[in-house]
Structure formats: C-alpha cells, structure tokens
Amino acid sequence: MTELTTDSRPIERSGTFDLGGRRVHRLGFGAMRLTGPGIWGEPADRDECVRVVRRAVELGVDLIDTADSYGPEVSEDIIREALHPYPDGLVIATKAGLTRSGPDIWAPVGRPEYLRQECEMSLRRLGLERIDLFQLHRIDPKVPAAEQFGLLADLVSEGKVGSVGLSEVSVDDLEAARKVVPVVSVQNLYNLTNRSSEAVLDHCTAEGIGFIPWFPIASGQLAQPGGVVHDVATTVGATPAQVALAWLLHRSPVVLPIPGTSSVAHVEENCASATVTLTDDQFEELSRG
C-alpha cells in the first residue's frame, strides 16, 4: 500500500498494483458513462465529460478503462480530446470484441481479423503507438477461443499491445487463455450485491492477477436507511457509494475498481472513497449484508 498523502490527490491513498509492469493506483476511472443513453451516441454534455476525465487525472487517477464499443467510439474520442498528449504514468485500457447496432444492444464478435482491426482503430482514435492493456470484451462462442487468444498474443509480440486482459470469464476460461498468452487482468461484474464472480476473484488473488470489477458501486437495498451500507456510511462519515468502493478495495489487494460517471461532482465523490477506511469488523458486516 502507498503512504497516505494529501487529499488533493485522494486516489493515492488507494494503494498500488503492478498491472503488466505498469504500477497504477488501485482506484481507477471507468469511461463507459461518457456516452449517451444506452451507452450509445454522444453524451448530453460533452464538455462536462471532458472535464470529468481531466478532473479524474487531477485527483490522481492513472488507470482509465474504456472500450471501442462505448458509443461506439465516443468514449475513446473524449479521452483523447481531454488528455492527449497523455501525462506520464497514465495507463489507458481499452477493449474489443463487442459490436453495437443500437442502444443497449451488444453482440460478441471474436474473429481474429475483426479484433485486429479494432485494435488498430483504437490506437488511431486514442493517439497511441501501443495500448497498455487490451482486453477481450467477450469470448465469442462462435469462434474457437484459442484463435481469439492467439490474436491477442500476436498483438503483444508485434508491440501494438503491452498486456492482455479478459472480460466476463470463468476460471476455466482464464486458465485456457493463459496457456496461449499472459493475462494480467480480468474484468467481471462484481459488487456488494452481486458476487457471482467470487471464485474468479479468489483465483486472481491467488495468482496475482488484477481483478477489475465493473458496475462496482451497486449497493441496492443495502444502502437504504436501516441497511448495513447506510449504517456503516453514517459511522465513517461517507456516502453509501464510497462505502461500496471502500469495501471492494478492502476485499483483495488485486481489486482495481473503476467507477464511472459523466459528472464532475460524482467523480470527486468516487475518488474520495480512497480515503475511507473500513475496520475488519465493518468489512465483515458489509460482506454479510
């Protein structure tokens, strides 16, 4: 864990993790919400979204997660507009493997030629010579998994990609991929109220693989008055969302939450969760729900 620092950069209190040879702070920023409704098209206030990304970095964020399918293309475009030329130490992770035909519609395509094309397009949109972390957004069941993993290995050997990650996979999927290409991260749905990926997280913890929980702030009924999240939040002087993120940071040293928003006020609130400290008893209470 890092030493405590000033609250002008609260992210630095989240600790650090070695992600494919790049040391990042454990609390990052997810850029999915920098889009219109249904993760489709332009956001209602593009200028505010640019400010959100810049503010996240000001607060210490050095891991930004996006995907070619967010918009599609919109999220990557906004990141470049906000930050290029990128500050030293910033890690931008993107994904390919899901196609879009409308709001809230997602379809996996894992043909190697398509994944290669999307990598090239993300490099161009983001203004990068190499993508630090390139993630397979979904394993396409219609394409042999080994072919998809093999293409990721090719991109690494060609220098277009620094490290490889996977999204929404099982332990078996992860281990099958690792026989073909080194995998430094897994991005699965995981939060206080949905722990269906518990086995994957435990495996990542044992193997030292980064675990990036998407939809990390969900706290549902637990955040209502009288619920455990509300009670702990009141005790520690934080918001329920901050407690949900603090719980994730406490859960395992490999967890890298990436809360997202299109509001500067909310990105400030999310980043401040790095300063929230839970006792072991509070963590266990939250875990029991």
Protein backbone atom coordinates (compact mmCIF):
# COMPACT_ATOMS: atom_id res chain seq x y z
CA MET A 1 0.00 0.00 0.00
CA THR A 2 1.13 3.56 -0.60
CA GLU A 3 1.73 6.05 2.18
CA LEU A 4 -1.07 8.46 2.97
CA THR A 5 -0.88 11.70 1.04
CA THR A 6 -2.80 14.97 0.74
CA ASP A 7 -6.47 14.82 -0.13
CA SER A 8 -5.87 16.93 -3.25
CA ARG A 9 -4.95 13.60 -4.86
CA PRO A 10 -7.08 11.16 -2.85
CA ILE A 11 -6.56 8.32 -5.33
CA GLU A 12 -3.01 7.95 -4.00
CA ARG A 13 -4.49 6.56 -0.79
CA SER A 14 -6.00 3.57 -2.60
CA GLY A 15 -2.71 1.66 -2.78
CA THR A 16 -0.98 0.45 -5.92
CA PHE A 17 -0.88 -2.63 -8.14
CA ASP A 18 1.57 -3.83 -10.78
CA LEU A 19 -0.55 -4.20 -13.92
CA GLY A 20 1.58 -5.82 -16.58
CA GLY A 21 4.69 -3.99 -15.47
CA ARG A 22 2.89 -0.67 -15.07
CA ARG A 23 2.29 0.40 -11.47
CA VAL A 24 -1.10 2.03 -11.09
CA HIS A 25 -3.21 3.22 -8.20
CA ARG A 26 -5.91 0.72 -7.38
CA LEU A 27 -8.87 3.09 -7.80
CA GLY A 28 -9.28 3.98 -11.45
CA PHE A 29 -11.88 5.53 -13.72
CA GLY A 30 -14.33 3.71 -15.99
CA ALA A 31 -15.23 5.66 -19.11
CA MET A 32 -18.39 3.83 -20.18
CA ARG A 33 -20.70 6.63 -18.99
CA LEU A 34 -19.08 9.24 -21.25
CA THR A 35 -21.78 8.45 -23.80
CA GLY A 36 -25.48 8.85 -24.47
CA PRO A 37 -28.33 6.74 -23.04
CA GLY A 38 -27.87 3.02 -23.57
CA ILE A 39 -24.11 3.64 -23.94
CA TRP A 40 -24.98 4.90 -27.42
CA GLY A 41 -24.02 8.10 -29.20
CA GLU A 42 -22.83 11.40 -27.83
CA PRO A 43 -23.36 12.37 -24.18
CA ALA A 44 -25.83 15.10 -23.27
CA ASP A 45 -22.94 17.35 -22.20
CA ARG A 46 -19.68 16.51 -23.95
CA ASP A 47 -17.83 19.43 -22.37
CA GLU A 48 -18.73 18.15 -18.91
CA CYS A 49 -17.46 14.69 -19.86
CA VAL A 50 -14.13 16.20 -20.94
CA ARG A 51 -13.96 17.97 -17.58
CA VAL A 52 -14.73 14.69 -15.78
CA VAL A 53 -11.79 12.90 -17.39
CA ARG A 54 -9.41 15.77 -16.68
CA ARG A 55 -10.63 16.04 -13.07
CA ALA A 56 -10.14 12.31 -12.51
CA VAL A 57 -6.49 12.62 -13.52
CA GLU A 58 -6.06 15.73 -11.35
CA LEU A 59 -7.30 13.67 -8.41
CA GLY A 60 -4.64 11.05 -9.03
CA VAL A 61 -6.30 8.55 -11.38
CA ASP A 62 -3.70 6.81 -13.53
CA LEU A 63 -5.83 3.92 -14.84
CA ILE A 64 -8.63 4.73 -17.28
CA ASP A 65 -10.72 1.89 -18.68
CA THR A 66 -12.71 2.24 -21.89
CA ALA A 67 -13.79 0.19 -24.94
CA ASP A 68 -14.27 0.66 -28.66
CA SER A 69 -17.96 -0.23 -28.18
CA TYR A 70 -18.72 2.60 -25.73
CA GLY A 71 -20.65 4.93 -28.01
CA PRO A 72 -19.32 3.20 -30.09
CA GLU A 73 -16.02 5.13 -30.37
CA VAL A 74 -17.32 8.12 -28.38
CA SER A 75 -15.61 7.27 -25.10
CA GLU A 76 -12.19 6.82 -26.71
CA ASP A 77 -12.61 10.07 -28.65
CA ILE A 78 -13.41 12.00 -25.46
CA ILE A 79 -10.42 10.55 -23.63
CA ARG A 80 -8.11 11.73 -26.38
CA GLU A 81 -9.75 15.16 -26.51
CA ALA A 82 -9.40 15.53 -22.74
CA LEU A 83 -5.89 14.23 -22.17
CA HIS A 84 -3.75 13.93 -25.32
CA PRO A 85 -0.77 14.26 -25.15
CA TYR A 86 -1.10 11.95 -22.19
CA PRO A 87 0.62 12.60 -18.86
CA ASP A 88 3.47 10.32 -17.86
CA GLY A 89 2.35 7.27 -15.94
CA LEU A 90 -1.21 7.17 -17.29
CA VAL A 91 -2.40 3.70 -18.28
CA ILE A 92 -5.27 3.54 -20.77
CA ALA A 93 -7.03 0.20 -21.03
CA THR A 94 -9.47 -0.49 -23.83
CA LYS A 95 -11.43 -3.48 -25.11
CA ALA A 96 -12.63 -5.07 -28.33
CA GLY A 97 -14.96 -7.94 -29.07
CA LEU A 98 -18.46 -6.48 -28.71
CA THR A 99 -20.28 -4.85 -31.63
CA ARG A 100 -23.14 -2.34 -31.40
CA SER A 101 -26.25 -1.87 -33.51
CA GLY A 102 -28.23 0.34 -31.14
CA PRO A 103 -28.70 1.48 -27.53
CA ASP A 104 -28.15 -1.31 -25.00
CA ILE A 105 -27.52 -3.84 -27.79
CA TRP A 106 -24.25 -5.78 -27.56
CA ALA A 107 -23.14 -8.72 -29.73
CA PRO A 108 -19.81 -10.58 -29.44
CA VAL A 109 -17.54 -10.82 -32.48
CA GLY A 110 -14.20 -12.50 -31.84
CA ARG A 111 -12.91 -13.23 -35.32
CA PRO A 112 -9.16 -12.55 -35.26
CA GLU A 113 -9.32 -10.19 -38.23
CA TYR A 114 -12.02 -8.16 -36.51
CA LEU A 115 -10.15 -7.94 -33.21
CA ARG A 116 -7.02 -6.83 -35.07
CA GLN A 117 -8.99 -4.17 -36.96
CA GLU A 118 -10.46 -2.83 -33.72
CA CYS A 119 -7.05 -2.70 -32.07
CA GLU A 120 -5.74 -0.65 -34.98
CA MET A 121 -8.74 1.69 -34.81
CA SER A 122 -8.38 2.16 -31.05
CA LEU A 123 -4.70 3.01 -31.49
CA ARG A 124 -5.70 5.65 -34.03
CA ARG A 125 -8.60 7.10 -32.01
CA LEU A 126 -6.63 7.26 -28.77
CA GLY A 127 -3.49 8.60 -30.45
CA LEU A 128 -1.30 5.81 -29.09
CA GLU A 129 1.53 3.77 -30.52
CA ARG A 130 0.78 0.94 -28.09
CA ILE A 131 -2.26 0.09 -25.97
CA ASP A 132 -1.12 -0.53 -22.40
CA LEU A 133 -3.90 -3.03 -21.63
CA PHE A 134 -6.01 -4.54 -24.41
CA GLN A 135 -8.93 -6.62 -23.18
CA LEU A 136 -11.11 -9.17 -24.95
CA HIS A 137 -14.55 -7.75 -24.13
CA ARG A 138 -16.25 -11.14 -24.51
CA ILE A 139 -15.18 -14.55 -25.71
CA ASP A 140 -17.17 -15.16 -28.90
CA PRO A 141 -18.75 -18.64 -28.63
CA LYS A 142 -18.88 -18.89 -32.43
CA VAL A 143 -15.10 -18.61 -32.81
CA PRO A 144 -12.58 -21.06 -31.31
CA ALA A 145 -11.34 -19.44 -28.11
CA ALA A 146 -7.75 -20.36 -28.90
CA GLU A 147 -7.93 -18.29 -32.08
CA GLN A 148 -9.09 -15.25 -30.12
CA PHE A 149 -6.37 -15.70 -27.51
CA GLY A 150 -3.79 -16.30 -30.24
CA LEU A 151 -4.61 -12.99 -31.89
CA LEU A 152 -4.06 -11.23 -28.56
CA ALA A 153 -0.66 -12.93 -28.29
CA ASP A 154 0.18 -11.75 -31.81
CA LEU A 155 -0.67 -8.15 -30.93
CA VAL A 156 1.66 -8.31 -27.94
CA SER A 157 4.51 -9.78 -29.98
CA GLU A 158 4.02 -7.06 -32.60
CA GLY A 159 4.28 -4.34 -29.97
CA LYS A 160 0.79 -2.98 -30.56
CA VAL A 161 -0.38 -4.13 -27.13
CA GLY A 162 1.51 -4.07 -23.85
CA SER A 163 -0.58 -6.50 -21.83
CA VAL A 164 -3.73 -8.57 -22.25
CA GLY A 165 -6.88 -8.75 -20.15
CA LEU A 166 -10.16 -10.66 -20.36
CA SER A 167 -13.73 -9.66 -19.52
CA GLU A 168 -16.60 -11.80 -18.18
CA VAL A 169 -14.73 -15.08 -17.95
CA SER A 170 -14.69 -18.15 -15.72
CA VAL A 171 -11.65 -19.62 -14.03
CA ASP A 172 -11.50 -22.24 -16.79
CA ASP A 173 -11.63 -19.53 -19.47
CA LEU A 174 -8.83 -17.65 -17.75
CA GLU A 175 -6.59 -20.68 -17.48
CA ALA A 176 -7.25 -21.66 -21.10
CA ALA A 177 -6.20 -18.19 -22.20
CA ARG A 178 -3.07 -18.24 -20.04
CA LYS A 179 -1.85 -21.29 -21.95
CA VAL A 180 -1.73 -19.07 -25.04
CA VAL A 181 -0.93 -15.55 -23.79
CA PRO A 182 -0.05 -13.98 -20.42
CA VAL A 183 -3.15 -12.43 -18.85
CA VAL A 184 -2.67 -9.59 -16.35
CA SER A 185 -6.31 -8.71 -15.59
CA VAL A 186 -9.88 -9.95 -15.51
CA GLN A 187 -12.86 -7.61 -15.70
CA ASN A 188 -16.05 -9.22 -14.38
CA LEU A 189 -19.28 -7.97 -12.84
CA TYR A 190 -18.74 -7.82 -9.09
CA ASN A 191 -20.02 -5.63 -6.27
CA LEU A 192 -21.58 -5.79 -2.81
CA THR A 193 -24.84 -7.21 -4.10
CA ASN A 194 -23.56 -9.41 -6.96
CA ARG A 195 -20.71 -11.73 -6.07
CA SER A 196 -21.23 -14.36 -8.73
CA SER A 197 -17.55 -13.96 -9.69
CA GLU A 198 -16.27 -14.78 -6.20
CA ALA A 199 -14.39 -17.87 -7.43
CA VAL A 200 -12.74 -15.88 -10.21
CA LEU A 201 -11.69 -13.16 -7.77
CA ASP A 202 -10.25 -15.73 -5.36
CA HIS A 203 -8.31 -17.29 -8.24
CA CYS A 204 -7.00 -13.91 -9.38
CA THR A 205 -5.94 -13.12 -5.80
CA ALA A 206 -4.03 -16.39 -5.56
CA GLU A 207 -2.37 -15.85 -8.95
CA GLY A 208 -1.63 -12.11 -8.55
CA ILE A 209 -3.86 -11.19 -11.50
CA GLY A 210 -5.65 -7.83 -11.43
CA PHE A 211 -9.41 -8.05 -10.94
CA ILE A 212 -11.35 -5.08 -12.34
CA PRO A 213 -14.95 -5.16 -11.07
CA TRP A 214 -17.39 -3.47 -13.42
CA PHE A 215 -20.60 -1.92 -12.05
CA PRO A 216 -18.72 -1.58 -8.75
CA ILE A 217 -21.00 0.80 -6.83
CA ALA A 218 -24.25 -1.20 -6.80
CA SER A 219 -25.42 -1.41 -3.22
CA GLY A 220 -29.18 -1.73 -3.76
CA GLN A 221 -31.39 -2.16 -0.73
CA LEU A 222 -28.29 -2.32 1.48
CA ALA A 223 -27.93 1.46 1.08
CA GLN A 224 -31.44 2.25 2.28
CA PRO A 225 -31.89 3.74 5.78
CA GLY A 226 -31.53 0.88 8.22
CA GLY A 227 -29.43 -1.10 5.74
CA VAL A 228 -25.89 -2.12 6.55
CA VAL A 229 -24.26 0.17 3.94
CA HIS A 230 -26.22 3.16 5.24
CA ASP A 231 -25.27 2.35 8.83
CA VAL A 232 -21.56 1.96 8.05
CA ALA A 233 -21.59 5.09 5.88
CA THR A 234 -23.06 7.08 8.76
CA THR A 235 -20.43 5.72 11.14
CA VAL A 236 -17.44 6.52 8.94
CA GLY A 237 -18.80 9.80 7.57
CA ALA A 238 -19.01 8.69 3.95
CA THR A 239 -21.66 8.17 1.27
CA PRO A 240 -23.05 4.69 0.50
CA ALA A 241 -21.24 4.75 -2.86
CA GLN A 242 -17.94 5.50 -1.14
CA VAL A 243 -18.51 2.64 1.31
CA ALA A 244 -19.25 0.24 -1.57
CA LEU A 245 -15.95 1.20 -3.22
CA ALA A 246 -14.04 1.03 0.07
CA TRP A 247 -15.43 -2.49 0.56
CA LEU A 248 -14.03 -3.53 -2.82
CA LEU A 249 -10.61 -2.07 -2.04
CA HIS A 250 -10.63 -3.96 1.28
CA ARG A 251 -11.78 -7.22 -0.35
CA SER A 252 -8.47 -8.13 -2.03
CA PRO A 253 -5.21 -6.38 -2.92
CA VAL A 254 -5.72 -7.30 -6.59
CA VAL A 255 -9.08 -5.49 -6.89
CA LEU A 256 -8.98 -2.38 -9.10
CA PRO A 257 -12.40 -0.67 -9.02
CA ILE A 258 -13.19 1.64 -11.96
CA PRO A 259 -16.29 3.66 -11.03
CA GLY A 260 -17.61 5.74 -13.88
CA THR A 261 -19.70 8.88 -14.22
CA SER A 262 -20.38 11.83 -16.50
CA SER A 263 -20.48 14.31 -13.60
CA VAL A 264 -17.53 16.17 -12.08
CA ALA A 265 -19.23 16.15 -8.67
CA HIS A 266 -19.64 12.38 -8.80
CA VAL A 267 -16.06 11.73 -9.95
CA GLU A 268 -14.86 13.77 -6.98
CA GLU A 269 -17.08 11.73 -4.65
CA ASN A 270 -15.90 8.44 -6.14
CA CYS A 271 -12.23 9.36 -5.93
CA ALA A 272 -12.64 10.43 -2.30
CA SER A 273 -13.66 6.85 -1.45
CA ALA A 274 -9.95 6.03 -1.45
CA THR A 275 -9.73 7.93 1.84
CA VAL A 276 -12.44 5.83 3.50
CA THR A 277 -11.01 3.22 5.86
CA LEU A 278 -13.12 0.27 6.97
CA THR A 279 -12.33 -1.82 10.01
CA ASP A 280 -12.24 -5.59 9.57
CA ASP A 281 -15.49 -5.79 11.54
CA GLN A 282 -17.17 -3.27 9.23
CA PHE A 283 -15.92 -5.17 6.19
CA GLU A 284 -17.35 -8.43 7.56
CA GLU A 285 -20.64 -6.75 8.42
CA LEU A 286 -20.92 -5.42 4.88
CA SER A 287 -19.96 -8.81 3.45
CA ARG A 288 -22.76 -10.49 5.39
CA GLY A 289 -25.16 -7.84 4.05
